[in-house]
Amino acid sequence: MTLTMYEMYPDRWTAEHDERTRTTERPRRRARRTHRVDPQIIVALEQLRSAGK
């Protein structure tokens, strides 16, 4: 399973930008990086399957 993490902060952070963000704009989301995520339950199931073979 591959998930993309998102960064919720703008490139620049100023008081002016902060005011607009709070009143009219939604925070911009941009992909930060993609990496593999294996929930622990899936890892445990795969280990049980491989041990049973």
PDB file of N, CA and C in Angstrom:
ATOM      1  N   MET A   1       0.855  -1.162   0.000  1.00  0.00           N
ATOM      2  CA  MET A   1       0.000   0.000   0.000  1.00  0.00           C
ATOM      3  C   MET A   1       0.908   1.234   0.000  1.00  0.00           C
ATOM      4  N   THR A   2       0.643   2.159  -0.885  1.00  0.00           N
ATOM      5  CA  THR A   2       1.435   3.383  -0.965  1.00  0.00           C
ATOM      6  C   THR A   2       0.525   4.572  -0.692  1.00  0.00           C
ATOM      7  N   LEU A   3       0.907   5.395   0.246  1.00  0.00           N
ATOM      8  CA  LEU A   3       0.136   6.583   0.585  1.00  0.00           C
ATOM      9  C   LEU A   3       0.981   7.822   0.348  1.00  0.00           C
ATOM     10  N   THR A   4       0.334   8.917   0.052  1.00  0.00           N
ATOM     11  CA  THR A   4       1.029  10.181  -0.129  1.00  0.00           C
ATOM     12  C   THR A   4       0.737  11.066   1.072  1.00  0.00           C
ATOM     13  N   MET A   5       1.775  11.577   1.687  1.00  0.00           N
ATOM     14  CA  MET A   5       1.611  12.508   2.794  1.00  0.00           C
ATOM     15  C   MET A   5       1.348  13.893   2.203  1.00  0.00           C
ATOM     16  N   TYR A   6       0.551  14.692   2.891  1.00  0.00           N
ATOM     17  CA  TYR A   6       0.255  16.033   2.415  1.00  0.00           C
ATOM     18  C   TYR A   6       0.743  17.068   3.414  1.00  0.00           C
ATOM     19  N   GLU A   7       1.273  18.146   2.873  1.00  0.00           N
ATOM     20  CA  GLU A   7       1.729  19.261   3.696  1.00  0.00           C
ATOM     21  C   GLU A   7       0.639  20.320   3.664  1.00  0.00           C
ATOM     22  N   MET A   8       0.205  20.771   4.821  1.00  0.00           N
ATOM     23  CA  MET A   8      -0.916  21.703   4.892  1.00  0.00           C
ATOM     24  C   MET A   8      -0.476  23.160   5.071  1.00  0.00           C
ATOM     25  N   TYR A   9       0.759  23.473   4.800  1.00  0.00           N
ATOM     26  CA  TYR A   9       1.254  24.819   5.018  1.00  0.00           C
ATOM     27  C   TYR A   9       1.683  25.452   3.696  1.00  0.00           C
ATOM     28  N   PRO A  10       1.524  26.747   3.553  1.00  0.00           N
ATOM     29  CA  PRO A  10       1.957  27.421   2.325  1.00  0.00           C
ATOM     30  C   PRO A  10       3.477  27.517   2.250  1.00  0.00           C
ATOM     31  N   ASP A  11       3.972  27.848   1.057  1.00  0.00           N
ATOM     32  CA  ASP A  11       5.411  28.036   0.888  1.00  0.00           C
ATOM     33  C   ASP A  11       5.921  29.204   1.733  1.00  0.00           C
ATOM     34  N   ARG A  12       5.122  30.273   1.807  1.00  0.00           N
ATOM     35  CA  ARG A  12       5.473  31.452   2.612  1.00  0.00           C
ATOM     36  C   ARG A  12       4.431  31.604   3.703  1.00  0.00           C
ATOM     37  N   TRP A  13       4.823  32.091   4.838  1.00  0.00           N
ATOM     38  CA  TRP A  13       3.866  32.305   5.912  1.00  0.00           C
ATOM     39  C   TRP A  13       4.013  33.734   6.391  1.00  0.00           C
ATOM     40  N   THR A  14       2.993  34.554   6.128  1.00  0.00           N
ATOM     41  CA  THR A  14       3.004  35.945   6.579  1.00  0.00           C
ATOM     42  C   THR A  14       1.684  36.235   7.273  1.00  0.00           C
ATOM     43  N   ALA A  15       1.626  37.329   8.006  1.00  0.00           N
ATOM     44  CA  ALA A  15       0.384  37.698   8.691  1.00  0.00           C
ATOM     45  C   ALA A  15      -0.729  37.940   7.677  1.00  0.00           C
ATOM     46  N   GLU A  16      -0.390  38.552   6.546  1.00  0.00           N
ATOM     47  CA  GLU A  16      -1.394  38.822   5.516  1.00  0.00           C
ATOM     48  C   GLU A  16      -1.964  37.512   4.978  1.00  0.00           C
ATOM     49  N   HIS A  17      -1.097  36.576   4.683  1.00  0.00           N
ATOM     50  CA  HIS A  17      -1.552  35.283   4.168  1.00  0.00           C
ATOM     51  C   HIS A  17      -2.380  34.553   5.228  1.00  0.00           C
ATOM     52  N   ASP A  18      -1.967  34.659   6.472  1.00  0.00           N
ATOM     53  CA  ASP A  18      -2.684  34.001   7.559  1.00  0.00           C
ATOM     54  C   ASP A  18      -4.112  34.526   7.671  1.00  0.00           C
ATOM     55  N   GLU A  19      -4.296  35.833   7.557  1.00  0.00           N
ATOM     56  CA  GLU A  19      -5.637  36.419   7.639  1.00  0.00           C
ATOM     57  C   GLU A  19      -6.534  35.899   6.522  1.00  0.00           C
ATOM     58  N   ARG A  20      -6.049  35.877   5.296  1.00  0.00           N
ATOM     59  CA  ARG A  20      -6.861  35.389   4.175  1.00  0.00           C
ATOM     60  C   ARG A  20      -7.197  33.919   4.350  1.00  0.00           C
ATOM     61  N   THR A  21      -6.243  33.149   4.825  1.00  0.00           N
ATOM     62  CA  THR A  21      -6.468  31.718   4.989  1.00  0.00           C
ATOM     63  C   THR A  21      -7.570  31.461   6.006  1.00  0.00           C
ATOM     64  N   ARG A  22      -7.564  32.204   7.084  1.00  0.00           N
ATOM     65  CA  ARG A  22      -8.570  31.968   8.123  1.00  0.00           C
ATOM     66  C   ARG A  22      -9.959  32.417   7.700  1.00  0.00           C
ATOM     67  N   THR A  23     -10.066  33.449   6.868  1.00  0.00           N
ATOM     68  CA  THR A  23     -11.387  33.999   6.568  1.00  0.00           C
ATOM     69  C   THR A  23     -11.971  33.534   5.248  1.00  0.00           C
ATOM     70  N   THR A  24     -11.171  33.364   4.202  1.00  0.00           N
ATOM     71  CA  THR A  24     -11.769  33.075   2.897  1.00  0.00           C
ATOM     72  C   THR A  24     -11.212  31.860   2.186  1.00  0.00           C
ATOM     73  N   GLU A  25      -9.978  31.503   2.421  1.00  0.00           N
ATOM     74  CA  GLU A  25      -9.360  30.428   1.650  1.00  0.00           C
ATOM     75  C   GLU A  25      -9.167  29.180   2.490  1.00  0.00           C
ATOM     76  N   ARG A  26      -9.239  28.041   1.826  1.00  0.00           N
ATOM     77  CA  ARG A  26      -8.882  26.788   2.485  1.00  0.00           C
ATOM     78  C   ARG A  26      -7.374  26.607   2.376  1.00  0.00           C
ATOM     79  N   PRO A  27      -6.745  25.953   3.334  1.00  0.00           N
ATOM     80  CA  PRO A  27      -5.303  25.703   3.223  1.00  0.00           C
ATOM     81  C   PRO A  27      -4.994  24.890   1.976  1.00  0.00           C
ATOM     82  N   ARG A  28      -3.899  25.195   1.350  1.00  0.00           N
ATOM     83  CA  ARG A  28      -3.488  24.491   0.138  1.00  0.00           C
ATOM     84  C   ARG A  28      -2.824  23.180   0.523  1.00  0.00           C
ATOM     85  N   ARG A  29      -3.160  22.126  -0.188  1.00  0.00           N
ATOM     86  CA  ARG A  29      -2.532  20.831   0.073  1.00  0.00           C
ATOM     87  C   ARG A  29      -1.623  20.492  -1.088  1.00  0.00           C
ATOM     88  N   ARG A  30      -0.406  20.110  -0.779  1.00  0.00           N
ATOM     89  CA  ARG A  30       0.496  19.659  -1.831  1.00  0.00           C
ATOM     90  C   ARG A  30       1.215  18.407  -1.350  1.00  0.00           C
ATOM     91  N   ALA A  31       1.470  17.528  -2.268  1.00  0.00           N
ATOM     92  CA  ALA A  31       2.121  16.275  -1.903  1.00  0.00           C
ATOM     93  C   ALA A  31       3.512  16.548  -1.367  1.00  0.00           C
ATOM     94  N   ARG A  32       3.829  15.966  -0.240  1.00  0.00           N
ATOM     95  CA  ARG A  32       5.155  16.134   0.344  1.00  0.00           C
ATOM     96  C   ARG A  32       6.071  15.010  -0.111  1.00  0.00           C
ATOM     97  N   ARG A  33       5.626  13.773   0.032  1.00  0.00           N
ATOM     98  CA  ARG A  33       6.403  12.649  -0.462  1.00  0.00           C
ATOM     99  C   ARG A  33       5.515  11.407  -0.469  1.00  0.00           C
ATOM    100  N   THR A  34       5.888  10.445  -1.255  1.00  0.00           N
ATOM    101  CA  THR A  34       5.175   9.179  -1.314  1.00  0.00           C
ATOM    102  C   THR A  34       6.042   8.124  -0.661  1.00  0.00           C
ATOM    103  N   HIS A  35       5.455   7.327   0.200  1.00  0.00           N
ATOM    104  CA  HIS A  35       6.211   6.261   0.831  1.00  0.00           C
ATOM    105  C   HIS A  35       5.289   5.085   1.130  1.00  0.00           C
ATOM    106  N   ARG A  36       5.880   3.945   1.327  1.00  0.00           N
ATOM    107  CA  ARG A  36       5.128   2.723   1.573  1.00  0.00           C
ATOM    108  C   ARG A  36       4.710   2.664   3.043  1.00  0.00           C
ATOM    109  N   VAL A  37       3.425   2.339   3.261  1.00  0.00           N
ATOM    110  CA  VAL A  37       2.891   2.218   4.609  1.00  0.00           C
ATOM    111  C   VAL A  37       2.217   0.857   4.728  1.00  0.00           C
ATOM    112  N   ASP A  38       2.656   0.051   5.669  1.00  0.00           N
ATOM    113  CA  ASP A  38       2.040  -1.245   5.932  1.00  0.00           C
ATOM    114  C   ASP A  38       1.459  -1.220   7.338  1.00  0.00           C
ATOM    115  N   PRO A  39       0.137  -1.172   7.461  1.00  0.00           N
ATOM    116  CA  PRO A  39      -0.451  -1.223   8.802  1.00  0.00           C
ATOM    117  C   PRO A  39      -0.011  -2.492   9.525  1.00  0.00           C
ATOM    118  N   GLN A  40       0.158  -2.415  10.818  1.00  0.00           N
ATOM    119  CA  GLN A  40       0.684  -3.532  11.600  1.00  0.00           C
ATOM    120  C   GLN A  40      -0.149  -4.796  11.462  1.00  0.00           C
ATOM    121  N   ILE A  41      -1.462  -4.683  11.301  1.00  0.00           N
ATOM    122  CA  ILE A  41      -2.298  -5.876  11.164  1.00  0.00           C
ATOM    123  C   ILE A  41      -1.965  -6.626   9.878  1.00  0.00           C
ATOM    124  N   ILE A  42      -1.669  -5.900   8.800  1.00  0.00           N
ATOM    125  CA  ILE A  42      -1.309  -6.547   7.534  1.00  0.00           C
ATOM    126  C   ILE A  42       0.048  -7.229   7.669  1.00  0.00           C
ATOM    127  N   VAL A  43       0.984  -6.577   8.319  1.00  0.00           N
ATOM    128  CA  VAL A  43       2.308  -7.173   8.533  1.00  0.00           C
ATOM    129  C   VAL A  43       2.165  -8.459   9.341  1.00  0.00           C
ATOM    130  N   ALA A  44       1.358  -8.427  10.397  1.00  0.00           N
ATOM    131  CA  ALA A  44       1.172  -9.611  11.241  1.00  0.00           C
ATOM    132  C   ALA A  44       0.521 -10.743  10.452  1.00  0.00           C
ATOM    133  N   LEU A  45      -0.479 -10.440   9.630  1.00  0.00           N
ATOM    134  CA  LEU A  45      -1.135 -11.473   8.821  1.00  0.00           C
ATOM    135  C   LEU A  45      -0.168 -12.091   7.821  1.00  0.00           C
ATOM    136  N   GLU A  46       0.652 -11.276   7.193  1.00  0.00           N
ATOM    137  CA  GLU A  46       1.627 -11.801   6.236  1.00  0.00           C
ATOM    138  C   GLU A  46       2.654 -12.687   6.931  1.00  0.00           C
ATOM    139  N   GLN A  47       3.047 -12.330   8.141  1.00  0.00           N
ATOM    140  CA  GLN A  47       3.990 -13.157   8.893  1.00  0.00           C
ATOM    141  C   GLN A  47       3.356 -14.496   9.260  1.00  0.00           C
ATOM    142  N   LEU A  48       2.079 -14.487   9.655  1.00  0.00           N
ATOM    143  CA  LEU A  48       1.381 -15.730   9.983  1.00  0.00           C
ATOM    144  C   LEU A  48       1.250 -16.623   8.755  1.00  0.00           C
ATOM    145  N   ARG A  49       0.925 -16.025   7.620  1.00  0.00           N
ATOM    146  CA  ARG A  49       0.792 -16.798   6.379  1.00  0.00           C
ATOM    147  C   ARG A  49       2.120 -17.434   5.989  1.00  0.00           C
ATOM    148  N   SER A  50       3.195 -16.667   6.076  1.00  0.00           N
ATOM    149  CA  SER A  50       4.494 -17.210   5.675  1.00  0.00           C
ATOM    150  C   SER A  50       4.985 -18.268   6.669  1.00  0.00           C
ATOM    151  N   ALA A  51       4.611 -18.162   7.928  1.00  0.00           N
ATOM    152  CA  ALA A  51       5.007 -19.164   8.927  1.00  0.00           C
ATOM    153  C   ALA A  51       4.235 -20.466   8.730  1.00  0.00           C
ATOM    154  N   GLY A  52       3.016 -20.366   8.212  1.00  0.00           N
ATOM    155  CA  GLY A  52       2.184 -21.548   8.013  1.00  0.00           C
ATOM    156  C   GLY A  52       2.535 -22.329   6.767  1.00  0.00           C
ATOM    157  N   LYS A  53       3.320 -21.778   5.863  1.00  0.00           N
ATOM    158  CA  LYS A  53       3.663 -22.459   4.601  1.00  0.00           C
ATOM    159  C   LYS A  53       4.801 -23.405   4.776  1.00  0.00           C
TER     160      LYS A  53
END
